[in-house]
Amino acid sequence: MATPKHYDADYKVQAVKLAKEIGGAKAAKELGISRNTLYTWMKREQEGQIDLGQGTRSPEKRHEPSRTGSKT
């Protein structure tokens, strides 16, 4: 039996935000996680167990580089 993967809270929040923008199935595929896992997180968000915060910015996809540098 495979060892279950554990994801941090921030990853879950970003995944749910992405799913709300592009749909659960597409988001799960892009993030490389199962649809059932993502749908569980979405359900928890609806029940108030996951707080998305006030921002509406979508998460960066796993294959895109992080953009944390400052602009000059």
Protein backbone atom coordinates (compact mmCIF):
# COMPACT_ATOMS: atom_id res chain seq x y z
CA MET A 1 0.00 0.00 0.00
CA ALA A 2 1.31 3.46 -0.90
CA THR A 3 2.27 5.91 1.80
CA PRO A 4 -0.22 8.82 1.93
CA LYS A 5 1.15 12.21 0.91
CA HIS A 6 0.81 15.15 3.27
CA TYR A 7 0.29 18.68 1.97
CA ASP A 8 0.69 21.86 3.98
CA ALA A 9 -2.24 24.21 4.56
CA ASP A 10 -0.93 26.87 2.16
CA TYR A 11 -0.70 24.35 -0.68
CA LYS A 12 -4.30 23.27 -0.05
CA VAL A 13 -5.50 26.88 -0.07
CA GLN A 14 -3.72 27.59 -3.35
CA ALA A 15 -5.05 24.39 -4.92
CA VAL A 16 -8.65 25.24 -3.96
CA LYS A 17 -8.27 28.77 -5.36
CA LEU A 18 -6.97 27.36 -8.63
CA ALA A 19 -9.84 24.86 -8.77
CA LYS A 20 -12.36 27.67 -8.34
CA GLU A 21 -10.81 29.50 -11.29
CA ILE A 22 -10.30 26.68 -13.79
CA GLY A 23 -12.32 23.78 -12.40
CA GLY A 24 -11.46 20.93 -10.09
CA ALA A 25 -10.54 18.26 -12.63
CA LYS A 26 -8.25 20.56 -14.61
CA ALA A 27 -6.60 21.94 -11.47
CA ALA A 28 -5.99 18.45 -10.08
CA LYS A 29 -4.38 17.37 -13.34
CA GLU A 30 -2.14 20.45 -13.51
CA LEU A 31 -1.08 20.06 -9.87
CA GLY A 32 -0.52 16.32 -10.15
CA ILE A 33 -2.93 15.40 -7.35
CA SER A 34 -6.00 13.19 -7.42
CA ARG A 35 -9.37 14.75 -8.12
CA ASN A 36 -10.77 13.14 -4.97
CA THR A 37 -8.11 14.82 -2.84
CA LEU A 38 -8.83 18.22 -4.36
CA TYR A 39 -12.60 17.79 -4.07
CA THR A 40 -12.18 16.90 -0.39
CA TRP A 41 -10.26 20.14 0.16
CA MET A 42 -12.95 22.08 -1.72
CA LYS A 43 -15.64 20.54 0.49
CA ARG A 44 -13.66 21.43 3.61
CA GLU A 45 -13.38 25.01 2.38
CA GLN A 46 -17.17 25.19 1.92
CA GLU A 47 -17.62 23.83 5.46
CA GLY A 48 -15.27 26.50 6.82
CA GLN A 49 -12.44 24.12 7.69
CA ILE A 50 -10.05 25.71 5.17
CA ASP A 51 -9.74 29.51 5.11
CA LEU A 52 -8.92 30.96 1.70
CA GLY A 53 -8.31 34.42 3.12
CA GLN A 54 -9.37 37.63 1.43
CA GLY A 55 -7.16 37.47 -1.66
CA THR A 56 -8.42 36.17 -4.96
CA ARG A 57 -5.04 35.66 -6.57
CA SER A 58 -4.65 32.24 -8.10
CA PRO A 59 -1.74 30.02 -7.13
CA GLU A 60 1.22 29.54 -9.36
CA LYS A 61 1.26 26.23 -11.12
CA ARG A 62 3.87 23.72 -10.07
CA HIS A 63 5.86 24.04 -13.31
CA GLU A 64 6.05 27.85 -13.29
CA PRO A 65 8.93 29.62 -11.56
CA SER A 66 8.21 31.65 -8.44
CA ARG A 67 8.09 35.38 -8.91
CA THR A 68 9.32 36.71 -5.60
CA GLY A 69 11.91 39.22 -6.80
CA SER A 70 11.36 42.95 -6.42
CA LYS A 71 10.94 45.21 -9.43
CA THR A 72 13.30 48.12 -9.84
